[in-house]
Structure formats: structure tokens, C-alpha cells
Amino acid sequence: MARTNLEAAAADCIADAIYGMETLDLDALRDNAEEQASSAADSACTYTSACLDIISDYEREADGAEEMTSGQTYEAADWQQAMCAYAYAVAYTVISRNVHDLLEEIEEAADDLRDAAEAHGLEDPADPRISSDCPHGWAAHDREDAAGTHFWTESNLEGCRAVARKVAGIWLSYTWTPEEGGK
């Protein structure tokens, strides 16, 4: 059985949290992702062996996990239940911290993408669109900057311009026709 990867679980929380969202709403994304963290920690702690792996692999990174379980009292016969509760606290703490870090990356990328869209000709960009896949699929982009932002011009998108960036496993993007939204 593969070892539990809590960083991947945090990325999955972000991917699940964007379900139903069309444009980036950081507050809603944050709320949805934080709700997903509890479920992801619960899923990570399904088996005793996974709980042992989580404690072994992530305990050093789980500041605050002990406080989550400190009010509970267990008998010696309940060692397995106590271990699973502690593993859940470790998993939740690590996943939540990683979700928070990914949300910060998304916020920074959204600001950078907004600037890139303005520089590429979009006037007054609002919140970017959000999706799990590149909004332009296999359409060749004209260039890519050092940050990973993709740029499309009218020649590759049938009269539209676009900028998009993959961050934290999701895509943020702007697509517009020069006549409607910019220069």
C-alpha cells in the first residue's frame, strides 16, 4: 500500500473546492478548501497502518496537533483509538497548513495574472476565471513568461486574446476579444 501524501491531499482539497466556481472568489475558495481539509484528514486515517505512517512521516510538521487531542482521555485498551485520533490531528494540521500555503500561492498568482492581462491589453480585469483544466486546451500559446503565465493572441484563438496560469493544480485565466475588453 502506498504511503499517505498529505501534500497531495491538500492539493486535492483545492481542486475539490473549486467545484461549481466559475470565477475566483478567494473567500469562498478558502471556506470550501478548509471544509475539505477535515474530510481529507478523515480519509487519510482510514487504516491503522496509514495512521502509523502519518505519525511517522508528518508528526514533526504538525505544530498544534497535540492540542487537538489533549482534552481526551483513553484507557490502555484504547491505544488504537488514541493513535488514530492523534494521526487525524496530525493529518488535519498538515493538510490545513498546506491548503493555506496553496491559497496564498493562488492569491499571488491571481494578482500577477491580473497585471499580465492588463499588460496584454485587457482593461480593468475583474476576478479571473477558475478551472481544473487549461481553458484553451491544446491551442498553441504564443509565449510563456518565467512565472509560467501563458499568453495567446488573436492568431491562435480565433480573434481572442488570453492569459492563463496553472497554480496549485488549478488554472486561472482571462479571455477577451480586443474590441470588447481592451486594446
N, C-alpha and C. Protein backbone atom coordinates (compact mmCIF):
# COMPACT_ATOMS: atom_id res chain seq x y z
N MET A 1 0.85 -1.17 0.00
CA MET A 1 0.00 0.00 0.00
C MET A 1 0.90 1.23 0.00
N ALA A 2 0.56 2.19 -0.81
CA ALA A 2 1.35 3.43 -0.91
C ALA A 2 1.19 4.26 0.36
N ARG A 3 2.26 4.97 0.69
CA ARG A 3 2.21 5.83 1.87
C ARG A 3 1.33 7.04 1.60
N THR A 4 0.77 7.58 2.63
CA THR A 4 -0.12 8.73 2.53
C THR A 4 0.68 9.98 2.19
N ASN A 5 0.20 10.76 1.23
CA ASN A 5 0.84 12.00 0.83
C ASN A 5 -0.10 13.15 1.19
N LEU A 6 0.19 13.82 2.29
CA LEU A 6 -0.70 14.87 2.76
C LEU A 6 -0.59 16.14 1.92
N GLU A 7 0.54 16.34 1.26
CA GLU A 7 0.66 17.49 0.35
C GLU A 7 -0.30 17.32 -0.83
N ALA A 8 -0.35 16.09 -1.36
CA ALA A 8 -1.29 15.81 -2.46
C ALA A 8 -2.73 15.93 -1.97
N ALA A 9 -2.98 15.53 -0.74
CA ALA A 9 -4.33 15.66 -0.18
C ALA A 9 -4.74 17.13 -0.10
N ALA A 10 -3.79 18.01 0.24
CA ALA A 10 -4.09 19.45 0.29
C ALA A 10 -4.41 19.98 -1.10
N ALA A 11 -3.64 19.55 -2.10
CA ALA A 11 -3.90 19.98 -3.48
C ALA A 11 -5.28 19.48 -3.94
N ASP A 12 -5.65 18.27 -3.52
CA ASP A 12 -6.97 17.75 -3.84
C ASP A 12 -8.07 18.58 -3.18
N CYS A 13 -7.80 19.10 -1.98
CA CYS A 13 -8.78 19.97 -1.31
C CYS A 13 -9.06 21.20 -2.16
N ILE A 14 -8.02 21.78 -2.74
CA ILE A 14 -8.18 22.96 -3.60
C ILE A 14 -8.98 22.57 -4.84
N ALA A 15 -8.59 21.46 -5.47
CA ALA A 15 -9.29 21.01 -6.69
C ALA A 15 -10.77 20.75 -6.41
N ASP A 16 -11.07 20.14 -5.27
CA ASP A 16 -12.47 19.88 -4.92
C ASP A 16 -13.21 21.17 -4.57
N ALA A 17 -12.50 22.11 -3.98
CA ALA A 17 -13.12 23.36 -3.52
C ALA A 17 -13.57 24.26 -4.67
N ILE A 18 -12.97 24.10 -5.85
CA ILE A 18 -13.37 24.97 -6.97
C ILE A 18 -14.60 24.45 -7.70
N TYR A 19 -15.07 23.27 -7.32
CA TYR A 19 -16.24 22.71 -7.98
C TYR A 19 -17.40 23.71 -7.94
N GLY A 20 -17.95 24.00 -9.09
CA GLY A 20 -19.08 24.92 -9.20
C GLY A 20 -18.68 26.39 -9.30
N MET A 21 -17.41 26.71 -9.12
CA MET A 21 -16.96 28.10 -9.23
C MET A 21 -16.57 28.39 -10.68
N GLU A 22 -16.96 29.55 -11.15
CA GLU A 22 -16.55 29.96 -12.49
C GLU A 22 -15.46 31.02 -12.43
N THR A 23 -15.57 31.91 -11.46
CA THR A 23 -14.55 32.93 -11.28
C THR A 23 -13.96 32.80 -9.88
N LEU A 24 -12.76 33.30 -9.74
CA LEU A 24 -12.07 33.19 -8.46
C LEU A 24 -12.72 34.09 -7.42
N ASP A 25 -13.19 33.48 -6.36
CA ASP A 25 -13.70 34.16 -5.18
C ASP A 25 -12.87 33.61 -4.03
N LEU A 26 -11.84 34.34 -3.63
CA LEU A 26 -10.89 33.83 -2.64
C LEU A 26 -11.56 33.46 -1.31
N ASP A 27 -12.52 34.24 -0.88
CA ASP A 27 -13.19 33.92 0.39
C ASP A 27 -13.95 32.61 0.29
N ALA A 28 -14.69 32.43 -0.78
CA ALA A 28 -15.44 31.18 -0.97
C ALA A 28 -14.49 30.00 -1.16
N LEU A 29 -13.42 30.22 -1.92
CA LEU A 29 -12.43 29.16 -2.12
C LEU A 29 -11.79 28.77 -0.79
N ARG A 30 -11.46 29.74 0.01
CA ARG A 30 -10.86 29.48 1.32
C ARG A 30 -11.83 28.67 2.20
N ASP A 31 -13.08 29.10 2.26
CA ASP A 31 -14.08 28.38 3.07
C ASP A 31 -14.26 26.94 2.58
N ASN A 32 -14.40 26.77 1.26
CA ASN A 32 -14.60 25.44 0.69
C ASN A 32 -13.39 24.55 0.94
N ALA A 33 -12.19 25.08 0.75
CA ALA A 33 -10.97 24.29 0.93
C ALA A 33 -10.78 23.90 2.39
N GLU A 34 -11.09 24.80 3.30
CA GLU A 34 -10.96 24.47 4.73
C GLU A 34 -11.95 23.38 5.14
N GLU A 35 -13.13 23.41 4.55
CA GLU A 35 -14.10 22.34 4.82
C GLU A 35 -13.58 21.01 4.28
N GLN A 36 -12.93 21.05 3.13
CA GLN A 36 -12.39 19.83 2.52
C GLN A 36 -11.25 19.24 3.35
N ALA A 37 -10.51 20.09 4.09
CA ALA A 37 -9.35 19.62 4.87
C ALA A 37 -9.76 18.58 5.91
N SER A 38 -10.87 18.79 6.57
CA SER A 38 -11.33 17.85 7.58
C SER A 38 -11.67 16.50 6.95
N SER A 39 -12.36 16.55 5.84
CA SER A 39 -12.72 15.32 5.13
C SER A 39 -11.48 14.60 4.62
N ALA A 40 -10.50 15.36 4.12
CA ALA A 40 -9.26 14.76 3.61
C ALA A 40 -8.48 14.10 4.74
N ALA A 41 -8.43 14.73 5.90
CA ALA A 41 -7.73 14.13 7.05
C ALA A 41 -8.43 12.86 7.48
N ASP A 42 -9.76 12.88 7.47
CA ASP A 42 -10.53 11.70 7.83
C ASP A 42 -10.24 10.56 6.85
N SER A 43 -10.21 10.88 5.57
CA SER A 43 -9.93 9.86 4.55
C SER A 43 -8.51 9.32 4.67
N ALA A 44 -7.57 10.17 5.03
CA ALA A 44 -6.18 9.75 5.17
C ALA A 44 -6.00 8.77 6.33
N CYS A 45 -6.88 8.82 7.29
CA CYS A 45 -6.75 8.00 8.51
C CYS A 45 -7.70 6.80 8.51
N THR A 46 -7.97 6.26 7.36
CA THR A 46 -8.92 5.15 7.26
C THR A 46 -8.37 3.87 7.86
N TYR A 47 -7.09 3.59 7.64
CA TYR A 47 -6.49 2.35 8.11
C TYR A 47 -5.46 2.61 9.20
N THR A 48 -5.32 1.66 10.11
CA THR A 48 -4.35 1.78 11.20
C THR A 48 -2.94 1.98 10.65
N SER A 49 -2.60 1.24 9.60
CA SER A 49 -1.25 1.37 9.02
C SER A 49 -1.04 2.77 8.45
N ALA A 50 -2.07 3.36 7.86
CA ALA A 50 -1.95 4.72 7.33
C ALA A 50 -1.77 5.71 8.49
N CYS A 51 -2.46 5.48 9.60
CA CYS A 51 -2.31 6.35 10.77
C CYS A 51 -0.88 6.29 11.30
N LEU A 52 -0.32 5.09 11.35
CA LEU A 52 1.07 4.95 11.81
C LEU A 52 2.02 5.68 10.87
N ASP A 53 1.78 5.55 9.56
CA ASP A 53 2.62 6.23 8.57
C ASP A 53 2.52 7.74 8.72
N ILE A 54 1.32 8.24 8.92
CA ILE A 54 1.11 9.69 9.05
C ILE A 54 1.88 10.22 10.26
N ILE A 55 1.77 9.53 11.37
CA ILE A 55 2.50 9.96 12.57
C ILE A 55 4.00 9.91 12.31
N SER A 56 4.45 8.83 11.71
CA SER A 56 5.88 8.66 11.44
C SER A 56 6.41 9.72 10.47
N ASP A 57 5.66 9.97 9.42
CA ASP A 57 6.13 10.87 8.35
C ASP A 57 5.91 12.35 8.62
N TYR A 58 4.86 12.70 9.37
CA TYR A 58 4.45 14.10 9.45
C TYR A 58 4.40 14.71 10.85
N GLU A 59 4.64 13.93 11.87
CA GLU A 59 4.48 14.45 13.23
C GLU A 59 5.34 15.70 13.48
N ARG A 60 6.55 15.74 12.94
CA ARG A 60 7.44 16.89 13.14
C ARG A 60 6.89 18.16 12.50
N GLU A 61 6.04 18.02 11.50
CA GLU A 61 5.47 19.17 10.80
C GLU A 61 4.13 19.62 11.36
N ALA A 62 3.63 18.93 12.37
CA ALA A 62 2.26 19.12 12.82
C ALA A 62 2.17 19.95 14.09
N ASP A 63 2.63 21.17 14.03
CA ASP A 63 2.50 22.05 15.19
C ASP A 63 1.03 22.24 15.53
N GLY A 64 0.69 21.97 16.76
CA GLY A 64 -0.69 22.15 17.20
C GLY A 64 -1.50 20.87 17.24
N ALA A 65 -0.96 19.77 16.73
CA ALA A 65 -1.73 18.52 16.72
C ALA A 65 -1.97 18.00 18.13
N GLU A 66 -1.00 18.15 19.00
CA GLU A 66 -1.18 17.66 20.37
C GLU A 66 -2.32 18.40 21.08
N GLU A 67 -2.45 19.70 20.82
CA GLU A 67 -3.52 20.47 21.45
C GLU A 67 -4.90 19.97 21.02
N MET A 68 -4.99 19.47 19.78
CA MET A 68 -6.27 18.99 19.28
C MET A 68 -6.75 17.76 20.05
N THR A 69 -5.82 16.99 20.60
CA THR A 69 -6.19 15.74 21.27
C THR A 69 -5.93 15.78 22.78
N SER A 70 -5.46 16.91 23.31
CA SER A 70 -5.04 16.95 24.71
C SER A 70 -6.18 16.82 25.71
N GLY A 71 -7.40 17.13 25.36
CA GLY A 71 -8.51 17.06 26.30
C GLY A 71 -9.13 15.68 26.39
N GLN A 72 -8.66 14.75 25.59
CA GLN A 72 -9.26 13.42 25.56
C GLN A 72 -8.48 12.47 26.47
N THR A 73 -9.19 11.55 27.10
CA THR A 73 -8.57 10.56 27.98
C THR A 73 -8.88 9.17 27.43
N TYR A 74 -7.86 8.34 27.39
CA TYR A 74 -8.02 6.99 26.87
C TYR A 74 -7.50 5.98 27.89
N GLU A 75 -8.09 4.82 27.92
CA GLU A 75 -7.60 3.69 28.72
C GLU A 75 -6.53 2.98 27.89
N ALA A 76 -5.74 2.17 28.53
CA ALA A 76 -4.67 1.45 27.82
C ALA A 76 -5.23 0.60 26.69
N ALA A 77 -6.40 0.02 26.91
CA ALA A 77 -7.00 -0.82 25.88
C ALA A 77 -7.45 -0.01 24.65
N ASP A 78 -7.53 1.29 24.81
CA ASP A 78 -7.97 2.15 23.71
C ASP A 78 -6.80 2.76 22.94
N TRP A 79 -5.62 2.14 23.02
CA TRP A 79 -4.43 2.71 22.40
C TRP A 79 -4.63 2.96 20.90
N GLN A 80 -5.32 2.04 20.24
CA GLN A 80 -5.52 2.19 18.80
C GLN A 80 -6.41 3.39 18.50
N GLN A 81 -7.45 3.57 19.26
CA GLN A 81 -8.34 4.73 19.08
C GLN A 81 -7.57 6.02 19.35
N ALA A 82 -6.75 6.03 20.39
CA ALA A 82 -5.94 7.21 20.72
C ALA A 82 -4.95 7.52 19.59
N MET A 83 -4.31 6.48 19.07
CA MET A 83 -3.35 6.65 17.98
C MET A 83 -4.04 7.20 16.74
N CYS A 84 -5.22 6.69 16.42
CA CYS A 84 -5.97 7.17 15.25
C CYS A 84 -6.41 8.63 15.43
N ALA A 85 -6.82 8.98 16.64
CA ALA A 85 -7.22 10.37 16.91
C ALA A 85 -6.03 11.31 16.75
N TYR A 86 -4.87 10.88 17.23
CA TYR A 86 -3.67 11.70 17.09
C TYR A 86 -3.25 11.79 15.62
N ALA A 87 -3.33 10.69 14.90
CA ALA A 87 -2.99 10.70 13.47
C ALA A 87 -3.91 11.65 12.71
N TYR A 88 -5.21 11.64 13.05
CA TYR A 88 -6.14 12.58 12.43
C TYR A 88 -5.71 14.02 12.70
N ALA A 89 -5.34 14.31 13.95
CA ALA A 89 -4.92 15.67 14.31
C ALA A 89 -3.66 16.07 13.53
N VAL A 90 -2.72 15.14 13.40
CA VAL A 90 -1.51 15.42 12.62
C VAL A 90 -1.89 15.67 11.16
N ALA A 91 -2.70 14.79 10.59
CA ALA A 91 -3.10 14.93 9.19
C ALA A 91 -3.85 16.24 8.96
N TYR A 92 -4.81 16.54 9.83
CA TYR A 92 -5.58 17.77 9.67
C TYR A 92 -4.69 19.00 9.74
N THR A 93 -3.76 19.01 10.70
CA THR A 93 -2.87 20.15 10.87
C THR A 93 -1.99 20.35 9.63
N VAL A 94 -1.42 19.28 9.13
CA VAL A 94 -0.53 19.37 7.97
C VAL A 94 -1.32 19.74 6.71
N ILE A 95 -2.46 19.11 6.50
CA ILE A 95 -3.27 19.42 5.33
C ILE A 95 -3.73 20.88 5.38
N SER A 96 -4.21 21.31 6.53
CA SER A 96 -4.68 22.70 6.67
C SER A 96 -3.57 23.70 6.38
N ARG A 97 -2.38 23.43 6.90
CA ARG A 97 -1.25 24.34 6.64
C ARG A 97 -0.92 24.38 5.15
N ASN A 98 -0.92 23.22 4.50
CA ASN A 98 -0.63 23.17 3.07
C ASN A 98 -1.73 23.84 2.25
N VAL A 99 -2.98 23.67 2.66
CA VAL A 99 -4.08 24.36 1.98
C VAL A 99 -3.89 25.87 2.09
N HIS A 100 -3.54 26.33 3.29
CA HIS A 100 -3.30 27.76 3.50
C HIS A 100 -2.18 28.26 2.58
N ASP A 101 -1.08 27.51 2.48
CA ASP A 101 0.04 27.89 1.61
C ASP A 101 -0.39 27.93 0.15
N LEU A 102 -1.17 26.95 -0.27
CA LEU A 102 -1.65 26.92 -1.67
C LEU A 102 -2.59 28.09 -1.95
N LEU A 103 -3.42 28.44 -0.99
CA LEU A 103 -4.32 29.58 -1.17
C LEU A 103 -3.52 30.88 -1.31
N GLU A 104 -2.44 31.01 -0.56
CA GLU A 104 -1.58 32.19 -0.71
C GLU A 104 -0.94 32.22 -2.10
N GLU A 105 -0.50 31.05 -2.59
CA GLU A 105 0.05 30.98 -3.95
C GLU A 105 -1.00 31.41 -4.98
N ILE A 106 -2.22 30.96 -4.80
CA ILE A 106 -3.30 31.30 -5.73
C ILE A 106 -3.56 32.79 -5.69
N GLU A 107 -3.60 33.38 -4.51
CA GLU A 107 -3.84 34.82 -4.40
C GLU A 107 -2.73 35.63 -5.09
N GLU A 108 -1.49 35.25 -4.86
CA GLU A 108 -0.37 35.93 -5.52
C GLU A 108 -0.43 35.76 -7.03
N ALA A 109 -0.72 34.54 -7.48
CA ALA A 109 -0.80 34.27 -8.91
C ALA A 109 -1.94 35.06 -9.55
N ALA A 110 -3.06 35.20 -8.85
CA ALA A 110 -4.19 35.97 -9.38
C ALA A 110 -3.81 37.43 -9.57
N ASP A 111 -3.08 37.98 -8.60
CA ASP A 111 -2.62 39.37 -8.73
C ASP A 111 -1.66 39.52 -9.90
N ASP A 112 -0.71 38.58 -10.02
CA ASP A 112 0.23 38.62 -11.14
C ASP A 112 -0.48 38.46 -12.48
N LEU A 113 -1.47 37.56 -12.51
CA LEU A 113 -2.20 37.32 -13.76
C LEU A 113 -3.01 38.55 -14.15
N ARG A 114 -3.58 39.22 -13.18
CA ARG A 114 -4.34 40.45 -13.44
C ARG A 114 -3.42 41.48 -14.10
N ASP A 115 -2.20 41.62 -13.55
CA ASP A 115 -1.22 42.55 -14.13
C ASP A 115 -0.83 42.13 -15.55
N ALA A 116 -0.63 40.83 -15.74
CA ALA A 116 -0.27 40.33 -17.08
C ALA A 116 -1.40 40.57 -18.07
N ALA A 117 -2.64 40.40 -17.65
CA ALA A 117 -3.78 40.63 -18.53
C ALA A 117 -3.85 42.10 -18.94
N GLU A 118 -3.62 42.99 -17.99
CA GLU A 118 -3.61 44.43 -18.31
C GLU A 118 -2.49 44.75 -19.29
N ALA A 119 -1.32 44.20 -19.06
CA ALA A 119 -0.18 44.45 -19.95
C ALA A 119 -0.42 43.86 -21.34
N HIS A 120 -1.26 42.83 -21.42
CA HIS A 120 -1.56 42.17 -22.70
C HIS A 120 -2.78 42.79 -23.39
N GLY A 121 -3.36 43.83 -22.77
CA GLY A 121 -4.41 44.58 -23.44
C GLY A 121 -5.79 44.55 -22.83
N LEU A 122 -6.00 43.84 -21.73
CA LEU A 122 -7.32 43.81 -21.10
C LEU A 122 -7.44 44.99 -20.15
N GLU A 123 -8.50 45.77 -20.35
CA GLU A 123 -8.71 46.93 -19.48
C GLU A 123 -9.55 46.53 -18.27
N ASP A 124 -9.12 46.95 -17.09
CA ASP A 124 -9.84 46.71 -15.83
C ASP A 124 -10.27 45.25 -15.62
N PRO A 125 -9.32 44.33 -15.54
CA PRO A 125 -9.71 42.93 -15.33
C PRO A 125 -10.35 42.73 -13.96
N ALA A 126 -11.43 41.98 -13.92
CA ALA A 126 -12.10 41.61 -12.67
C ALA A 126 -11.43 40.35 -12.13
N ASP A 127 -12.17 39.52 -11.45
CA ASP A 127 -11.60 38.27 -10.95
C ASP A 127 -11.40 37.30 -12.13
N PRO A 128 -10.29 36.56 -12.11
CA PRO A 128 -10.05 35.61 -13.20
C PRO A 128 -11.01 34.42 -13.14
N ARG A 129 -11.16 33.78 -14.28
CA ARG A 129 -11.91 32.52 -14.33
C ARG A 129 -11.07 31.45 -13.66
N ILE A 130 -11.71 30.43 -13.13
CA ILE A 130 -11.02 29.36 -12.44
C ILE A 130 -11.52 28.03 -12.99
N SER A 131 -10.59 27.10 -13.23
CA SER A 131 -10.99 25.79 -13.76
C SER A 131 -9.91 24.76 -13.44
N SER A 132 -10.28 23.50 -13.62
CA SER A 132 -9.30 22.44 -13.37
C SER A 132 -8.43 22.15 -14.57
N ASP A 133 -8.85 22.57 -15.74
CA ASP A 133 -8.08 22.35 -16.96
C ASP A 133 -7.76 23.67 -17.62
N CYS A 134 -6.76 23.63 -18.49
CA CYS A 134 -6.43 24.84 -19.24
C CYS A 134 -7.65 25.23 -20.08
N PRO A 135 -8.07 26.48 -20.00
CA PRO A 135 -9.28 26.89 -20.70
C PRO A 135 -9.16 26.81 -22.22
N HIS A 136 -7.95 26.73 -22.73
CA HIS A 136 -7.78 26.70 -24.18
C HIS A 136 -7.17 25.40 -24.68
N GLY A 137 -7.19 24.41 -23.83
CA GLY A 137 -6.79 23.06 -24.21
C GLY A 137 -5.48 23.01 -24.97
N TRP A 138 -5.57 22.46 -26.16
CA TRP A 138 -4.37 22.25 -26.97
C TRP A 138 -4.03 23.43 -27.87
N ALA A 139 -4.78 24.51 -27.80
CA ALA A 139 -4.46 25.67 -28.64
C ALA A 139 -3.05 26.17 -28.27
N ALA A 140 -2.22 26.30 -29.27
CA ALA A 140 -0.85 26.73 -29.01
C ALA A 140 -0.83 28.16 -28.49
N HIS A 141 -0.07 28.38 -27.43
CA HIS A 141 0.07 29.74 -26.92
C HIS A 141 1.29 30.39 -27.58
N ASP A 142 1.27 31.71 -27.60
CA ASP A 142 2.34 32.45 -28.28
C ASP A 142 3.63 32.48 -27.49
N ARG A 143 3.47 32.60 -26.19
CA ARG A 143 4.67 32.63 -25.34
C ARG A 143 4.29 32.32 -23.91
N GLU A 144 5.33 32.14 -23.11
CA GLU A 144 5.15 31.85 -21.70
C GLU A 144 6.23 32.62 -20.95
N ASP A 145 5.84 33.29 -19.87
CA ASP A 145 6.85 34.04 -19.12
C ASP A 145 7.50 33.16 -18.05
N ALA A 146 8.46 33.73 -17.34
CA ALA A 146 9.21 32.97 -16.35
C ALA A 146 8.33 32.43 -15.22
N ALA A 147 7.23 33.09 -14.93
CA ALA A 147 6.32 32.66 -13.87
C ALA A 147 5.38 31.55 -14.32
N GLY A 148 5.38 31.24 -15.62
CA GLY A 148 4.51 30.19 -16.14
C GLY A 148 3.20 30.69 -16.71
N THR A 149 3.08 32.00 -16.89
CA THR A 149 1.86 32.55 -17.49
C THR A 149 1.91 32.31 -18.99
N HIS A 150 0.83 31.77 -19.54
CA HIS A 150 0.70 31.52 -20.97
C HIS A 150 -0.02 32.71 -21.59
N PHE A 151 0.43 33.13 -22.76
CA PHE A 151 -0.16 34.25 -23.49
C PHE A 151 -0.61 33.77 -24.86
N TRP A 152 -1.86 34.11 -25.22
CA TRP A 152 -2.40 33.81 -26.53
C TRP A 152 -2.77 35.13 -27.22
N THR A 153 -2.56 35.18 -28.52
CA THR A 153 -3.02 36.33 -29.30
C THR A 153 -4.13 35.87 -30.23
N GLU A 154 -4.69 36.85 -30.92
CA GLU A 154 -5.83 36.57 -31.80
C GLU A 154 -5.53 35.51 -32.85
N SER A 155 -4.29 35.40 -33.29
CA SER A 155 -3.96 34.44 -34.35
C SER A 155 -4.14 32.99 -33.90
N ASN A 156 -4.03 32.73 -32.60
CA ASN A 156 -4.16 31.36 -32.11
C ASN A 156 -5.52 31.05 -31.48
N LEU A 157 -6.32 32.09 -31.20
CA LEU A 157 -7.60 31.86 -30.54
C LEU A 157 -8.77 32.48 -31.31
N GLU A 158 -8.71 32.45 -32.61
CA GLU A 158 -9.81 32.92 -33.45
C GLU A 158 -10.34 34.28 -33.02
N GLY A 159 -9.45 35.23 -32.91
CA GLY A 159 -9.84 36.59 -32.62
C GLY A 159 -9.83 36.98 -31.15
N CYS A 160 -9.51 36.07 -30.27
CA CYS A 160 -9.47 36.37 -28.83
C CYS A 160 -8.03 36.47 -28.34
N ARG A 161 -7.88 37.14 -27.24
CA ARG A 161 -6.62 37.15 -26.51
C ARG A 161 -6.87 36.45 -25.17
N ALA A 162 -5.81 35.93 -24.59
CA ALA A 162 -5.95 35.25 -23.31
C ALA A 162 -4.62 35.21 -22.57
N VAL A 163 -4.74 35.12 -21.26
CA VAL A 163 -3.61 34.81 -20.39
C VAL A 163 -4.12 33.77 -19.39
N ALA A 164 -3.26 32.83 -19.05
CA ALA A 164 -3.65 31.79 -18.10
C ALA A 164 -2.41 31.30 -17.36
N ARG A 165 -2.63 30.84 -16.15
CA ARG A 165 -1.53 30.28 -15.37
C ARG A 165 -2.06 29.14 -14.52
N LYS A 166 -1.28 28.07 -14.49
CA LYS A 166 -1.60 26.94 -13.61
C LYS A 166 -0.90 27.19 -12.28
N VAL A 167 -1.67 27.13 -11.22
CA VAL A 167 -1.13 27.32 -9.87
C VAL A 167 -1.90 26.40 -8.92
N ALA A 168 -1.16 25.71 -8.08
CA ALA A 168 -1.76 24.82 -7.08
C ALA A 168 -2.70 23.79 -7.72
N GLY A 169 -2.38 23.36 -8.94
CA GLY A 169 -3.17 22.34 -9.62
C GLY A 169 -4.42 22.84 -10.31
N ILE A 170 -4.67 24.14 -10.30
CA ILE A 170 -5.84 24.71 -10.98
C ILE A 170 -5.38 25.77 -11.97
N TRP A 171 -6.27 26.19 -12.84
CA TRP A 171 -5.96 27.22 -13.83
C TRP A 171 -6.74 28.49 -13.54
N LEU A 172 -6.04 29.60 -13.59
CA LEU A 172 -6.64 30.94 -13.53
C LEU A 172 -6.48 31.53 -14.92
N SER A 173 -7.50 32.23 -15.42
CA SER A 173 -7.39 32.75 -16.79
C SER A 173 -8.29 33.95 -17.05
N TYR A 174 -7.91 34.66 -18.08
CA TYR A 174 -8.72 35.73 -18.67
C TYR A 174 -8.74 35.48 -20.17
N THR A 175 -9.91 35.60 -20.78
CA THR A 175 -10.05 35.52 -22.23
C THR A 175 -10.97 36.65 -22.67
N TRP A 176 -10.58 37.38 -23.71
CA TRP A 176 -11.37 38.51 -24.17
C TRP A 176 -11.09 38.77 -25.65
N THR A 177 -12.04 39.45 -26.26
CA THR A 177 -11.79 39.95 -27.62
C THR A 177 -11.31 41.38 -27.48
N PRO A 178 -10.32 41.77 -28.23
CA PRO A 178 -9.77 43.11 -28.08
C PRO A 178 -10.82 44.22 -28.20
N GLU A 179 -11.82 44.05 -29.05
CA GLU A 179 -12.83 45.10 -29.21
C GLU A 179 -13.69 45.25 -27.97
N GLU A 180 -13.96 44.14 -27.28
CA GLU A 180 -14.86 44.19 -26.13
C GLU A 180 -14.17 44.56 -24.82
N GLY A 181 -12.97 44.07 -24.59
CA GLY A 181 -12.40 44.24 -23.28
C GLY A 181 -11.06 44.93 -23.20
N GLY A 182 -10.58 45.41 -24.30
CA GLY A 182 -9.27 46.04 -24.19
C GLY A 182 -8.75 46.54 -25.51
N LYS A 183 -7.46 46.70 -25.53
CA LYS A 183 -6.80 47.26 -26.69
C LYS A 183 -6.23 46.16 -27.56
